[in-house]
Amino acid sequence: MLLIAGGLCDCRRFGAEYLLSRPTNGVDVQDWCLIRYIELVVGHPIMPKGLKQTSSLIVIGARVAESAPNTFTQGAIDLQLNPLDNEVFVVQAIDLECASPDALAGVNTSTNGSLTTTSQAALPSLQSTNTMAVNNVIIRAAGFIDGGVGFETSSMNSPPTGMEYIGIIATNDFFLQVQGSGNLGAKSVTAKVYGYRARADASVYAALVQSELLSS
């Protein structure tokens, strides 16, 4: 739970309090508090077995737009990991946001986005092994004379209280996908990925890479 009171940002978890001064450089307060929350509470958990943290919190932003309306489009985001050092990226939180679909009378429309650890040929679902986050924004208007009713479904967009991390990326890239349905214009998806670099033991690194590639 994040509370902003007076000039302080109060980040609480399990009853513990961390009072943080408000940012003064124009950084968005809500995003700043999420970063501090992860650093103070989630950023220093008991490390996953076989991994050693080698960086502080890293925030990666990315955006992918459709090449044409209602067309599956994918972008690769380079993590610049060093395989010679068995380097991996431990993901602590993901924010995924799709552009709003077109509101067309009598037509169902949607914008669908996902973030995966491996390249995809089509938009994956959350049940896929390598899917780390999804976001679907839908307007149901079939049978209506107006623009219909909007809905949104999404995977978790904040770090759960009982989890040390939500995934580990062992290969050099992660992938962002978007595809709309029924829209007149091209849509996009934006993402922020929060995590840190870590060095894995040789056996752990080999297992992570093999698991990631074999399940693609």
N, C-alpha and C. Protein backbone atom coordinates (compact mmCIF):
# COMPACT_ATOMS: atom_id res chain seq x y z
N MET A 1 0.85 -1.19 0.00
CA MET A 1 0.00 0.00 0.00
C MET A 1 0.89 1.23 0.00
N LEU A 2 0.64 2.17 -0.89
CA LEU A 2 1.40 3.40 -0.97
C LEU A 2 0.52 4.57 -0.52
N LEU A 3 1.01 5.35 0.45
CA LEU A 3 0.27 6.50 0.92
C LEU A 3 1.14 7.74 0.76
N ILE A 4 0.54 8.83 0.28
CA ILE A 4 1.26 10.09 0.17
C ILE A 4 0.63 11.07 1.14
N ALA A 5 1.38 11.45 2.14
CA ALA A 5 0.83 12.33 3.17
C ALA A 5 1.78 13.50 3.39
N GLY A 6 1.25 14.69 3.20
CA GLY A 6 2.09 15.87 3.38
C GLY A 6 3.24 15.86 2.39
N GLY A 7 4.45 16.05 2.88
CA GLY A 7 5.62 16.07 2.01
C GLY A 7 6.36 14.76 1.99
N LEU A 8 5.73 13.68 2.48
CA LEU A 8 6.42 12.41 2.56
C LEU A 8 5.67 11.34 1.79
N CYS A 9 6.43 10.35 1.27
CA CYS A 9 5.85 9.17 0.65
C CYS A 9 6.01 8.02 1.63
N ASP A 10 4.91 7.48 2.11
CA ASP A 10 4.94 6.42 3.11
C ASP A 10 4.68 5.09 2.42
N CYS A 11 5.71 4.24 2.30
CA CYS A 11 5.57 2.95 1.65
C CYS A 11 5.52 1.88 2.74
N ARG A 12 4.40 1.15 2.83
CA ARG A 12 4.22 0.21 3.92
C ARG A 12 4.04 -1.21 3.39
N ARG A 13 4.57 -2.14 4.15
CA ARG A 13 4.36 -3.54 3.84
C ARG A 13 4.51 -4.33 5.13
N PHE A 14 3.54 -5.17 5.42
CA PHE A 14 3.56 -5.97 6.64
C PHE A 14 3.75 -5.11 7.88
N GLY A 15 3.23 -3.89 7.86
CA GLY A 15 3.28 -3.03 9.03
C GLY A 15 4.54 -2.21 9.14
N ALA A 16 5.56 -2.48 8.31
CA ALA A 16 6.80 -1.70 8.37
C ALA A 16 6.63 -0.41 7.59
N GLU A 17 7.24 0.68 8.06
CA GLU A 17 7.10 1.98 7.42
C GLU A 17 8.46 2.48 6.94
N TYR A 18 8.43 3.11 5.76
CA TYR A 18 9.61 3.75 5.21
C TYR A 18 9.18 5.14 4.77
N LEU A 19 9.70 6.17 5.44
CA LEU A 19 9.33 7.54 5.10
C LEU A 19 10.36 8.10 4.15
N LEU A 20 9.89 8.51 2.97
CA LEU A 20 10.77 8.95 1.91
C LEU A 20 10.41 10.37 1.51
N SER A 21 11.42 11.20 1.30
CA SER A 21 11.15 12.57 0.89
C SER A 21 10.55 12.61 -0.50
N ARG A 22 9.68 13.58 -0.74
CA ARG A 22 9.02 13.71 -2.03
C ARG A 22 10.02 14.12 -3.10
N PRO A 23 9.93 13.55 -4.35
CA PRO A 23 10.84 13.96 -5.42
C PRO A 23 10.63 15.42 -5.80
N THR A 24 11.72 16.08 -6.16
CA THR A 24 11.62 17.50 -6.50
C THR A 24 12.06 17.79 -7.93
N ASN A 25 12.39 16.76 -8.72
CA ASN A 25 12.91 16.97 -10.06
C ASN A 25 11.86 16.72 -11.14
N GLY A 26 10.59 16.71 -10.77
CA GLY A 26 9.53 16.54 -11.76
C GLY A 26 9.20 15.09 -12.08
N VAL A 27 9.87 14.13 -11.43
CA VAL A 27 9.56 12.73 -11.67
C VAL A 27 8.17 12.43 -11.13
N ASP A 28 7.41 11.66 -11.85
CA ASP A 28 6.06 11.31 -11.41
C ASP A 28 6.10 10.64 -10.04
N VAL A 29 5.31 11.17 -9.11
CA VAL A 29 5.36 10.70 -7.71
C VAL A 29 4.96 9.24 -7.60
N GLN A 30 3.92 8.84 -8.31
CA GLN A 30 3.44 7.47 -8.19
C GLN A 30 4.49 6.48 -8.69
N ASP A 31 5.12 6.79 -9.81
CA ASP A 31 6.15 5.93 -10.35
C ASP A 31 7.36 5.91 -9.43
N TRP A 32 7.69 7.06 -8.88
CA TRP A 32 8.82 7.17 -7.95
C TRP A 32 8.59 6.30 -6.72
N CYS A 33 7.38 6.33 -6.20
CA CYS A 33 7.08 5.53 -5.01
C CYS A 33 7.16 4.04 -5.31
N LEU A 34 6.72 3.63 -6.52
CA LEU A 34 6.82 2.23 -6.87
C LEU A 34 8.28 1.79 -6.92
N ILE A 35 9.14 2.62 -7.49
CA ILE A 35 10.56 2.30 -7.55
C ILE A 35 11.14 2.17 -6.15
N ARG A 36 10.82 3.12 -5.28
CA ARG A 36 11.34 3.07 -3.91
C ARG A 36 10.77 1.88 -3.15
N TYR A 37 9.50 1.56 -3.40
CA TYR A 37 8.88 0.40 -2.76
C TYR A 37 9.64 -0.88 -3.11
N ILE A 38 9.97 -1.03 -4.39
CA ILE A 38 10.69 -2.21 -4.82
C ILE A 38 12.10 -2.23 -4.24
N GLU A 39 12.77 -1.08 -4.25
CA GLU A 39 14.13 -1.00 -3.73
C GLU A 39 14.20 -1.37 -2.25
N LEU A 40 13.26 -0.80 -1.47
CA LEU A 40 13.33 -0.96 -0.02
C LEU A 40 12.73 -2.27 0.46
N VAL A 41 11.66 -2.72 -0.20
CA VAL A 41 10.94 -3.88 0.32
C VAL A 41 11.18 -5.12 -0.51
N VAL A 42 11.09 -5.01 -1.82
CA VAL A 42 11.22 -6.17 -2.68
C VAL A 42 12.62 -6.28 -3.27
N GLY A 43 13.34 -5.17 -3.32
CA GLY A 43 14.62 -5.15 -4.01
C GLY A 43 15.73 -5.89 -3.30
N HIS A 44 15.54 -6.20 -2.03
CA HIS A 44 16.60 -6.90 -1.30
C HIS A 44 16.03 -8.10 -0.56
N PRO A 45 15.36 -9.00 -1.29
CA PRO A 45 14.83 -10.19 -0.64
C PRO A 45 15.92 -11.24 -0.49
N ILE A 46 15.56 -12.39 0.05
CA ILE A 46 16.46 -13.53 0.00
C ILE A 46 16.61 -13.90 -1.46
N MET A 47 17.84 -13.91 -1.97
CA MET A 47 18.06 -14.12 -3.39
C MET A 47 17.65 -15.53 -3.81
N PRO A 48 17.12 -15.66 -5.04
CA PRO A 48 16.86 -17.01 -5.56
C PRO A 48 18.14 -17.83 -5.53
N LYS A 49 18.03 -19.10 -5.24
CA LYS A 49 19.20 -19.96 -5.11
C LYS A 49 20.00 -19.97 -6.41
N GLY A 50 21.32 -19.81 -6.28
CA GLY A 50 22.18 -19.85 -7.45
C GLY A 50 22.36 -18.53 -8.15
N LEU A 51 21.80 -17.43 -7.61
CA LEU A 51 21.92 -16.11 -8.22
C LEU A 51 22.56 -15.13 -7.24
N LYS A 52 23.33 -14.19 -7.80
CA LYS A 52 23.92 -13.12 -7.01
C LYS A 52 23.61 -11.79 -7.67
N GLN A 53 22.92 -10.90 -6.96
CA GLN A 53 22.54 -9.61 -7.51
C GLN A 53 23.78 -8.77 -7.80
N THR A 54 23.82 -8.17 -9.01
CA THR A 54 24.99 -7.38 -9.42
C THR A 54 24.65 -5.94 -9.77
N SER A 55 23.41 -5.53 -9.60
CA SER A 55 23.04 -4.14 -9.89
C SER A 55 21.93 -3.71 -8.95
N SER A 56 21.72 -2.41 -8.88
CA SER A 56 20.56 -1.89 -8.16
C SER A 56 19.35 -1.98 -9.10
N LEU A 57 18.24 -1.42 -8.70
CA LEU A 57 17.02 -1.50 -9.49
C LEU A 57 17.20 -0.83 -10.85
N ILE A 58 16.75 -1.50 -11.90
CA ILE A 58 16.78 -0.98 -13.27
C ILE A 58 15.34 -0.88 -13.76
N VAL A 59 15.01 0.24 -14.41
CA VAL A 59 13.67 0.44 -14.99
C VAL A 59 13.82 0.58 -16.50
N ILE A 60 13.15 -0.28 -17.25
CA ILE A 60 13.25 -0.28 -18.71
C ILE A 60 11.89 0.07 -19.29
N GLY A 61 11.84 1.09 -20.14
CA GLY A 61 10.61 1.47 -20.81
C GLY A 61 10.66 1.07 -22.28
N ALA A 62 9.51 0.68 -22.85
CA ALA A 62 9.47 0.25 -24.24
C ALA A 62 8.09 0.52 -24.82
N ARG A 63 8.04 0.67 -26.13
CA ARG A 63 6.77 0.88 -26.84
C ARG A 63 6.83 0.20 -28.20
N VAL A 64 5.72 -0.45 -28.57
CA VAL A 64 5.61 -1.07 -29.89
C VAL A 64 4.25 -0.67 -30.48
N ALA A 65 4.26 -0.26 -31.74
CA ALA A 65 3.04 0.12 -32.44
C ALA A 65 2.77 -0.85 -33.59
N GLU A 66 1.51 -1.07 -33.90
CA GLU A 66 1.15 -1.94 -35.02
C GLU A 66 1.70 -1.38 -36.33
N SER A 67 2.15 -2.24 -37.20
CA SER A 67 2.62 -1.81 -38.52
C SER A 67 1.44 -1.42 -39.42
N ALA A 68 0.25 -1.91 -39.11
CA ALA A 68 -1.00 -1.56 -39.79
C ALA A 68 -2.13 -1.92 -38.85
N PRO A 69 -3.32 -1.33 -39.01
CA PRO A 69 -4.42 -1.64 -38.09
C PRO A 69 -4.71 -3.14 -38.02
N ASN A 70 -4.90 -3.63 -36.79
CA ASN A 70 -5.29 -5.02 -36.52
C ASN A 70 -4.27 -6.03 -37.04
N THR A 71 -2.99 -5.66 -36.96
CA THR A 71 -1.91 -6.52 -37.45
C THR A 71 -0.96 -6.87 -36.31
N PHE A 72 -0.68 -8.15 -36.14
CA PHE A 72 0.26 -8.57 -35.10
C PHE A 72 1.63 -7.95 -35.37
N THR A 73 2.15 -7.28 -34.35
CA THR A 73 3.46 -6.62 -34.46
C THR A 73 4.25 -6.88 -33.19
N GLN A 74 5.53 -7.15 -33.36
CA GLN A 74 6.40 -7.48 -32.22
C GLN A 74 7.67 -6.65 -32.27
N GLY A 75 8.14 -6.26 -31.10
CA GLY A 75 9.41 -5.57 -30.98
C GLY A 75 10.30 -6.28 -29.99
N ALA A 76 11.61 -6.27 -30.23
CA ALA A 76 12.59 -6.87 -29.33
C ALA A 76 13.30 -5.77 -28.55
N ILE A 77 13.44 -5.97 -27.25
CA ILE A 77 14.13 -5.01 -26.38
C ILE A 77 15.40 -5.67 -25.85
N ASP A 78 16.53 -5.09 -26.19
CA ASP A 78 17.84 -5.65 -25.85
C ASP A 78 18.20 -5.32 -24.41
N LEU A 79 18.49 -6.36 -23.63
CA LEU A 79 18.89 -6.18 -22.23
C LEU A 79 20.40 -6.04 -22.08
N GLN A 80 21.14 -6.32 -23.14
CA GLN A 80 22.61 -6.23 -23.12
C GLN A 80 23.21 -7.05 -21.98
N LEU A 81 22.72 -8.27 -21.84
CA LEU A 81 23.27 -9.18 -20.84
C LEU A 81 24.58 -9.77 -21.35
N ASN A 82 25.46 -10.12 -20.43
CA ASN A 82 26.76 -10.69 -20.78
C ASN A 82 26.73 -12.19 -20.51
N PRO A 83 26.60 -13.01 -21.56
CA PRO A 83 26.53 -14.46 -21.35
C PRO A 83 27.83 -15.05 -20.81
N LEU A 84 28.96 -14.38 -21.04
CA LEU A 84 30.23 -14.88 -20.53
C LEU A 84 30.28 -14.82 -19.00
N ASP A 85 29.49 -13.92 -18.41
CA ASP A 85 29.41 -13.80 -16.96
C ASP A 85 28.16 -14.47 -16.40
N ASN A 86 27.50 -15.28 -17.24
CA ASN A 86 26.25 -15.95 -16.82
C ASN A 86 25.24 -14.95 -16.28
N GLU A 87 25.12 -13.82 -16.97
CA GLU A 87 24.27 -12.74 -16.48
C GLU A 87 22.81 -12.95 -16.89
N VAL A 88 21.90 -12.70 -15.96
CA VAL A 88 20.47 -12.80 -16.20
C VAL A 88 19.80 -11.54 -15.68
N PHE A 89 18.52 -11.38 -16.03
CA PHE A 89 17.75 -10.23 -15.55
C PHE A 89 16.57 -10.74 -14.74
N VAL A 90 16.50 -10.35 -13.47
CA VAL A 90 15.43 -10.78 -12.57
C VAL A 90 14.33 -9.72 -12.58
N VAL A 91 13.14 -10.11 -13.02
CA VAL A 91 12.02 -9.18 -13.17
C VAL A 91 11.20 -9.16 -11.88
N GLN A 92 11.03 -7.96 -11.33
CA GLN A 92 10.27 -7.80 -10.08
C GLN A 92 8.86 -7.28 -10.31
N ALA A 93 8.66 -6.49 -11.35
CA ALA A 93 7.33 -5.95 -11.63
C ALA A 93 7.26 -5.51 -13.09
N ILE A 94 6.05 -5.54 -13.65
CA ILE A 94 5.82 -5.11 -15.03
C ILE A 94 4.55 -4.28 -15.07
N ASP A 95 4.62 -3.13 -15.71
CA ASP A 95 3.43 -2.34 -16.04
C ASP A 95 3.24 -2.39 -17.55
N LEU A 96 2.07 -2.82 -17.99
CA LEU A 96 1.77 -2.97 -19.41
C LEU A 96 0.49 -2.19 -19.70
N GLU A 97 0.52 -1.34 -20.71
CA GLU A 97 -0.63 -0.49 -21.01
C GLU A 97 -0.89 -0.44 -22.51
N CYS A 98 -2.09 -0.85 -22.92
CA CYS A 98 -2.48 -0.82 -24.32
C CYS A 98 -3.23 0.47 -24.63
N ALA A 99 -3.09 0.97 -25.87
CA ALA A 99 -3.86 2.12 -26.31
C ALA A 99 -5.34 1.74 -26.38
N SER A 100 -6.20 2.71 -26.17
CA SER A 100 -7.64 2.45 -26.20
C SER A 100 -8.09 2.04 -27.60
N PRO A 101 -8.93 1.03 -27.71
CA PRO A 101 -9.46 0.65 -29.02
C PRO A 101 -10.46 1.69 -29.52
N ASP A 102 -10.76 1.66 -30.82
CA ASP A 102 -11.74 2.58 -31.38
C ASP A 102 -13.14 2.23 -30.89
N ALA A 103 -13.93 3.26 -30.57
CA ALA A 103 -15.32 3.07 -30.16
C ALA A 103 -16.20 3.22 -31.40
N LEU A 104 -16.65 2.11 -31.95
CA LEU A 104 -17.45 2.10 -33.18
C LEU A 104 -18.81 1.48 -32.90
N ALA A 105 -19.84 2.15 -33.30
CA ALA A 105 -21.20 1.66 -33.06
C ALA A 105 -21.40 0.29 -33.70
N GLY A 106 -21.85 -0.67 -32.90
CA GLY A 106 -22.17 -2.00 -33.40
C GLY A 106 -21.00 -2.89 -33.70
N VAL A 107 -19.77 -2.45 -33.37
CA VAL A 107 -18.57 -3.24 -33.69
C VAL A 107 -17.76 -3.52 -32.44
N ASN A 108 -17.43 -4.77 -32.20
CA ASN A 108 -16.52 -5.12 -31.10
C ASN A 108 -15.09 -4.77 -31.50
N THR A 109 -14.39 -4.06 -30.64
CA THR A 109 -13.00 -3.70 -30.91
C THR A 109 -12.13 -4.01 -29.70
N SER A 110 -10.84 -4.13 -29.92
CA SER A 110 -9.93 -4.41 -28.80
C SER A 110 -8.51 -4.02 -29.16
N THR A 111 -7.71 -3.81 -28.13
CA THR A 111 -6.26 -3.68 -28.26
C THR A 111 -5.64 -4.65 -27.26
N ASN A 112 -4.76 -5.51 -27.74
CA ASN A 112 -4.21 -6.58 -26.91
C ASN A 112 -2.69 -6.53 -26.94
N GLY A 113 -2.08 -6.58 -25.76
CA GLY A 113 -0.63 -6.53 -25.67
C GLY A 113 -0.09 -7.62 -24.77
N SER A 114 1.16 -7.98 -24.96
CA SER A 114 1.80 -8.99 -24.13
C SER A 114 3.29 -8.74 -24.08
N LEU A 115 3.94 -9.30 -23.06
CA LEU A 115 5.39 -9.23 -22.91
C LEU A 115 5.89 -10.64 -22.62
N THR A 116 6.86 -11.09 -23.42
CA THR A 116 7.35 -12.46 -23.32
C THR A 116 8.88 -12.49 -23.26
N THR A 117 9.41 -13.63 -22.84
CA THR A 117 10.86 -13.79 -22.77
C THR A 117 11.45 -14.27 -24.10
N THR A 118 10.62 -14.80 -24.99
CA THR A 118 11.08 -15.28 -26.30
C THR A 118 10.20 -14.74 -27.41
N SER A 119 10.70 -14.80 -28.65
CA SER A 119 9.97 -14.29 -29.80
C SER A 119 8.72 -15.12 -30.07
N GLN A 120 7.65 -14.44 -30.51
CA GLN A 120 6.38 -15.10 -30.77
C GLN A 120 5.94 -14.85 -32.22
N ALA A 121 5.20 -15.83 -32.78
CA ALA A 121 4.66 -15.69 -34.14
C ALA A 121 3.25 -15.15 -34.12
N ALA A 122 2.60 -15.21 -32.97
CA ALA A 122 1.24 -14.70 -32.81
C ALA A 122 1.07 -14.24 -31.37
N LEU A 123 0.02 -13.50 -31.11
CA LEU A 123 -0.20 -12.97 -29.77
C LEU A 123 -0.43 -14.11 -28.78
N PRO A 124 0.40 -14.23 -27.74
CA PRO A 124 0.26 -15.34 -26.79
C PRO A 124 -0.77 -15.02 -25.70
N SER A 125 -1.18 -16.04 -24.99
CA SER A 125 -2.06 -15.86 -23.83
C SER A 125 -1.22 -15.95 -22.57
N LEU A 126 -1.83 -15.62 -21.44
CA LEU A 126 -1.10 -15.61 -20.17
C LEU A 126 -0.65 -17.00 -19.75
N GLN A 127 -1.36 -18.02 -20.22
CA GLN A 127 -1.02 -19.39 -19.82
C GLN A 127 0.28 -19.88 -20.45
N SER A 128 0.76 -19.20 -21.50
CA SER A 128 2.00 -19.59 -22.14
C SER A 128 3.16 -19.46 -21.17
N THR A 129 4.08 -20.42 -21.18
CA THR A 129 5.20 -20.45 -20.23
C THR A 129 6.04 -19.19 -20.29
N ASN A 130 6.27 -18.66 -21.47
CA ASN A 130 7.16 -17.51 -21.62
C ASN A 130 6.45 -16.17 -21.60
N THR A 131 5.16 -16.17 -21.30
CA THR A 131 4.42 -14.91 -21.19
C THR A 131 4.54 -14.39 -19.77
N MET A 132 5.04 -13.16 -19.62
CA MET A 132 5.23 -12.58 -18.30
C MET A 132 4.13 -11.60 -17.93
N ALA A 133 3.48 -10.98 -18.93
CA ALA A 133 2.42 -10.02 -18.65
C ALA A 133 1.53 -9.86 -19.88
N VAL A 134 0.25 -9.59 -19.63
CA VAL A 134 -0.69 -9.31 -20.72
C VAL A 134 -1.58 -8.14 -20.32
N ASN A 135 -2.11 -7.46 -21.32
CA ASN A 135 -3.09 -6.40 -21.09
C ASN A 135 -4.04 -6.38 -22.28
N ASN A 136 -5.33 -6.46 -22.01
CA ASN A 136 -6.35 -6.47 -23.05
C ASN A 136 -7.39 -5.40 -22.75
N VAL A 137 -7.59 -4.48 -23.69
CA VAL A 137 -8.61 -3.45 -23.56
C VAL A 137 -9.66 -3.71 -24.64
N ILE A 138 -10.91 -3.91 -24.23
CA ILE A 138 -11.95 -4.41 -25.12
C ILE A 138 -13.18 -3.51 -25.04
N ILE A 139 -13.79 -3.26 -26.18
CA ILE A 139 -15.09 -2.59 -26.23
C ILE A 139 -16.09 -3.54 -26.89
N ARG A 140 -17.15 -3.89 -26.16
CA ARG A 140 -18.21 -4.74 -26.69
C ARG A 140 -19.35 -3.86 -27.15
N ALA A 141 -19.52 -3.76 -28.47
CA ALA A 141 -20.55 -2.88 -29.02
C ALA A 141 -21.46 -3.60 -30.01
N ALA A 142 -21.21 -4.87 -30.29
CA ALA A 142 -22.06 -5.60 -31.22
C ALA A 142 -23.50 -5.63 -30.70
N GLY A 143 -24.43 -5.21 -31.54
CA GLY A 143 -25.83 -5.16 -31.14
C GLY A 143 -26.25 -3.86 -30.51
N PHE A 144 -25.29 -2.95 -30.28
CA PHE A 144 -25.59 -1.63 -29.72
C PHE A 144 -25.63 -0.60 -30.85
N ILE A 145 -26.38 0.47 -30.64
CA ILE A 145 -26.42 1.54 -31.62
C ILE A 145 -25.38 2.62 -31.30
N ASP A 146 -24.73 2.49 -30.13
CA ASP A 146 -23.70 3.46 -29.76
C ASP A 146 -22.35 2.76 -29.70
N GLY A 147 -21.40 3.36 -28.99
CA GLY A 147 -20.03 2.84 -28.94
C GLY A 147 -19.83 1.66 -28.03
N GLY A 148 -20.87 1.22 -27.33
CA GLY A 148 -20.76 0.03 -26.51
C GLY A 148 -20.16 0.27 -25.14
N VAL A 149 -19.70 -0.81 -24.51
CA VAL A 149 -19.17 -0.78 -23.15
C VAL A 149 -17.73 -1.27 -23.15
N GLY A 150 -16.87 -0.58 -22.41
CA GLY A 150 -15.46 -0.93 -22.38
C GLY A 150 -15.10 -1.85 -21.23
N PHE A 151 -14.15 -2.74 -21.46
CA PHE A 151 -13.64 -3.65 -20.44
C PHE A 151 -12.12 -3.70 -20.54
N GLU A 152 -11.47 -4.06 -19.44
CA GLU A 152 -10.03 -4.25 -19.45
C GLU A 152 -9.66 -5.45 -18.60
N THR A 153 -8.81 -6.31 -19.15
CA THR A 153 -8.27 -7.43 -18.38
C THR A 153 -6.76 -7.33 -18.42
N SER A 154 -6.12 -7.70 -17.31
CA SER A 154 -4.67 -7.51 -17.23
C SER A 154 -4.08 -8.47 -16.22
N SER A 155 -2.83 -8.86 -16.45
CA SER A 155 -2.08 -9.58 -15.42
C SER A 155 -1.67 -8.59 -14.36
N MET A 156 -1.07 -9.07 -13.26
CA MET A 156 -0.71 -8.21 -12.14
C MET A 156 0.29 -7.15 -12.57
N ASN A 157 0.01 -5.90 -12.17
CA ASN A 157 0.86 -4.78 -12.56
C ASN A 157 1.70 -4.25 -11.41
N SER A 158 1.73 -4.95 -10.28
CA SER A 158 2.55 -4.52 -9.15
C SER A 158 3.12 -5.75 -8.47
N PRO A 159 4.20 -5.63 -7.73
CA PRO A 159 4.81 -6.80 -7.12
C PRO A 159 3.94 -7.39 -6.03
N PRO A 160 3.57 -8.66 -6.13
CA PRO A 160 2.78 -9.29 -5.07
C PRO A 160 3.57 -9.37 -3.77
N THR A 161 2.86 -9.28 -2.66
CA THR A 161 3.54 -9.17 -1.37
C THR A 161 4.33 -10.41 -1.00
N GLY A 162 3.95 -11.59 -1.51
CA GLY A 162 4.61 -12.81 -1.09
C GLY A 162 5.62 -13.36 -2.08
N MET A 163 5.94 -12.62 -3.15
CA MET A 163 6.84 -13.14 -4.17
C MET A 163 8.12 -12.31 -4.24
N GLU A 164 9.26 -12.98 -4.38
CA GLU A 164 10.54 -12.29 -4.49
C GLU A 164 10.73 -11.70 -5.89
N TYR A 165 10.18 -12.36 -6.90
CA TYR A 165 10.29 -11.90 -8.28
C TYR A 165 9.20 -12.59 -9.09
N ILE A 166 8.94 -12.09 -10.31
CA ILE A 166 7.89 -12.70 -11.13
C ILE A 166 8.46 -13.44 -12.33
N GLY A 167 9.75 -13.35 -12.55
CA GLY A 167 10.35 -14.08 -13.66
C GLY A 167 11.82 -13.77 -13.81
N ILE A 168 12.53 -14.63 -14.54
CA ILE A 168 13.95 -14.44 -14.83
C ILE A 168 14.16 -14.55 -16.33
N ILE A 169 14.80 -13.53 -16.92
CA ILE A 169 15.11 -13.55 -18.35
C ILE A 169 16.58 -13.92 -18.49
N ALA A 170 16.83 -15.07 -19.13
CA ALA A 170 18.20 -15.58 -19.23
C ALA A 170 18.84 -15.29 -20.58
N THR A 171 18.03 -15.03 -21.62
CA THR A 171 18.57 -14.68 -22.93
C THR A 171 18.63 -13.16 -23.06
N ASN A 172 19.18 -12.67 -24.14
CA ASN A 172 19.56 -11.26 -24.21
C ASN A 172 18.40 -10.30 -24.44
N ASP A 173 17.26 -10.79 -24.91
CA ASP A 173 16.14 -9.91 -25.24
C ASP A 173 14.87 -10.33 -24.53
N PHE A 174 13.97 -9.36 -24.37
CA PHE A 174 12.58 -9.72 -24.13
C PHE A 174 11.75 -9.08 -25.24
N PHE A 175 10.49 -9.51 -25.38
CA PHE A 175 9.71 -9.15 -26.55
C PHE A 175 8.36 -8.57 -26.16
N LEU A 176 7.95 -7.55 -26.89
CA LEU A 176 6.70 -6.84 -26.64
C LEU A 176 5.82 -6.99 -27.88
N GLN A 177 4.58 -7.46 -27.69
CA GLN A 177 3.68 -7.70 -28.81
C GLN A 177 2.39 -6.88 -28.67
N VAL A 178 1.79 -6.53 -29.81
CA VAL A 178 0.52 -5.83 -29.82
C VAL A 178 -0.29 -6.27 -31.03
N GLN A 179 -1.60 -6.36 -30.86
CA GLN A 179 -2.50 -6.62 -31.98
C GLN A 179 -3.90 -6.13 -31.62
N GLY A 180 -4.48 -5.34 -32.49
CA GLY A 180 -5.84 -4.87 -32.30
C GLY A 180 -6.83 -5.71 -33.07
N SER A 181 -8.10 -5.44 -32.83
CA SER A 181 -9.17 -6.13 -33.54
C SER A 181 -10.31 -5.17 -33.79
N GLY A 182 -10.74 -5.05 -35.04
CA GLY A 182 -11.88 -4.22 -35.39
C GLY A 182 -11.60 -2.73 -35.41
N ASN A 183 -10.36 -2.30 -35.25
CA ASN A 183 -10.03 -0.88 -35.18
C ASN A 183 -9.81 -0.28 -36.57
N LEU A 184 -10.05 1.01 -36.69
CA LEU A 184 -9.77 1.71 -37.93
C LEU A 184 -8.33 2.20 -38.00
N GLY A 185 -7.74 2.46 -36.84
CA GLY A 185 -6.37 2.95 -36.77
C GLY A 185 -5.44 1.97 -36.08
N ALA A 186 -4.14 2.12 -36.34
CA ALA A 186 -3.13 1.27 -35.69
C ALA A 186 -3.03 1.61 -34.20
N LYS A 187 -2.80 0.59 -33.38
CA LYS A 187 -2.72 0.75 -31.93
C LYS A 187 -1.32 0.41 -31.44
N SER A 188 -1.06 0.71 -30.17
CA SER A 188 0.26 0.49 -29.60
C SER A 188 0.15 -0.05 -28.18
N VAL A 189 1.27 -0.54 -27.67
CA VAL A 189 1.38 -0.98 -26.29
C VAL A 189 2.67 -0.40 -25.71
N THR A 190 2.61 0.05 -24.47
CA THR A 190 3.79 0.55 -23.78
C THR A 190 4.03 -0.29 -22.53
N ALA A 191 5.29 -0.36 -22.12
CA ALA A 191 5.64 -1.21 -20.97
C ALA A 191 6.73 -0.57 -20.15
N LYS A 192 6.71 -0.86 -18.86
CA LYS A 192 7.83 -0.59 -17.97
C LYS A 192 8.14 -1.88 -17.22
N VAL A 193 9.42 -2.23 -17.25
CA VAL A 193 9.87 -3.45 -16.61
C VAL A 193 10.84 -3.07 -15.50
N TYR A 194 10.58 -3.54 -14.28
CA TYR A 194 11.41 -3.24 -13.12
C TYR A 194 12.16 -4.51 -12.71
N GLY A 195 13.47 -4.39 -12.52
CA GLY A 195 14.23 -5.56 -12.10
C GLY A 195 15.70 -5.23 -11.87
N TYR A 196 16.52 -6.25 -11.81
CA TYR A 196 17.95 -6.05 -11.57
C TYR A 196 18.75 -7.16 -12.27
N ARG A 197 20.01 -6.85 -12.54
CA ARG A 197 20.92 -7.83 -13.12
C ARG A 197 21.44 -8.76 -12.02
N ALA A 198 21.68 -10.00 -12.41
CA ALA A 198 22.24 -10.96 -11.46
C ALA A 198 23.16 -11.92 -12.20
N ARG A 199 24.11 -12.50 -11.45
CA ARG A 199 25.00 -13.51 -12.02
C ARG A 199 24.59 -14.87 -11.48
N ALA A 200 24.43 -15.83 -12.41
CA ALA A 200 23.97 -17.16 -12.03
C ALA A 200 25.13 -18.14 -11.99
N ASP A 201 25.01 -19.15 -11.13
CA ASP A 201 25.95 -20.26 -11.17
C ASP A 201 25.87 -20.91 -12.54
N ALA A 202 26.96 -21.56 -12.97
CA ALA A 202 27.02 -22.14 -14.31
C ALA A 202 25.87 -23.11 -14.57
N SER A 203 25.59 -23.99 -13.62
CA SER A 203 24.54 -24.98 -13.82
C SER A 203 23.16 -24.33 -13.85
N VAL A 204 22.95 -23.33 -12.99
CA VAL A 204 21.68 -22.62 -12.96
C VAL A 204 21.48 -21.84 -14.26
N TYR A 205 22.54 -21.19 -14.75
CA TYR A 205 22.45 -20.41 -15.98
C TYR A 205 22.10 -21.32 -17.17
N ALA A 206 22.76 -22.45 -17.26
CA ALA A 206 22.49 -23.38 -18.35
C ALA A 206 21.05 -23.87 -18.31
N ALA A 207 20.56 -24.17 -17.12
CA ALA A 207 19.19 -24.64 -16.98
C ALA A 207 18.18 -23.56 -17.35
N LEU A 208 18.45 -22.31 -16.94
CA LEU A 208 17.54 -21.21 -17.25
C LEU A 208 17.47 -20.96 -18.75
N VAL A 209 18.63 -20.94 -19.42
CA VAL A 209 18.65 -20.71 -20.87
C VAL A 209 17.95 -21.83 -21.60
N GLN A 210 18.24 -23.07 -21.23
CA GLN A 210 17.62 -24.21 -21.90
C GLN A 210 16.11 -24.21 -21.70
N SER A 211 15.67 -23.93 -20.49
CA SER A 211 14.24 -23.92 -20.21
C SER A 211 13.54 -22.84 -21.01
N GLU A 212 14.17 -21.67 -21.09
CA GLU A 212 13.57 -20.53 -21.82
C GLU A 212 13.45 -20.84 -23.30
N LEU A 213 14.50 -21.41 -23.89
CA LEU A 213 14.50 -21.67 -25.32
C LEU A 213 13.61 -22.84 -25.69
N LEU A 214 13.62 -23.89 -24.89
CA LEU A 214 12.82 -25.08 -25.21
C LEU A 214 11.33 -24.83 -25.08
N SER A 215 10.95 -23.87 -24.25
CA SER A 215 9.53 -23.58 -24.04
C SER A 215 9.01 -22.47 -24.93
N SER A 216 9.85 -21.99 -25.86
CA SER A 216 9.42 -20.88 -26.74
C SER A 216 8.44 -21.36 -27.80
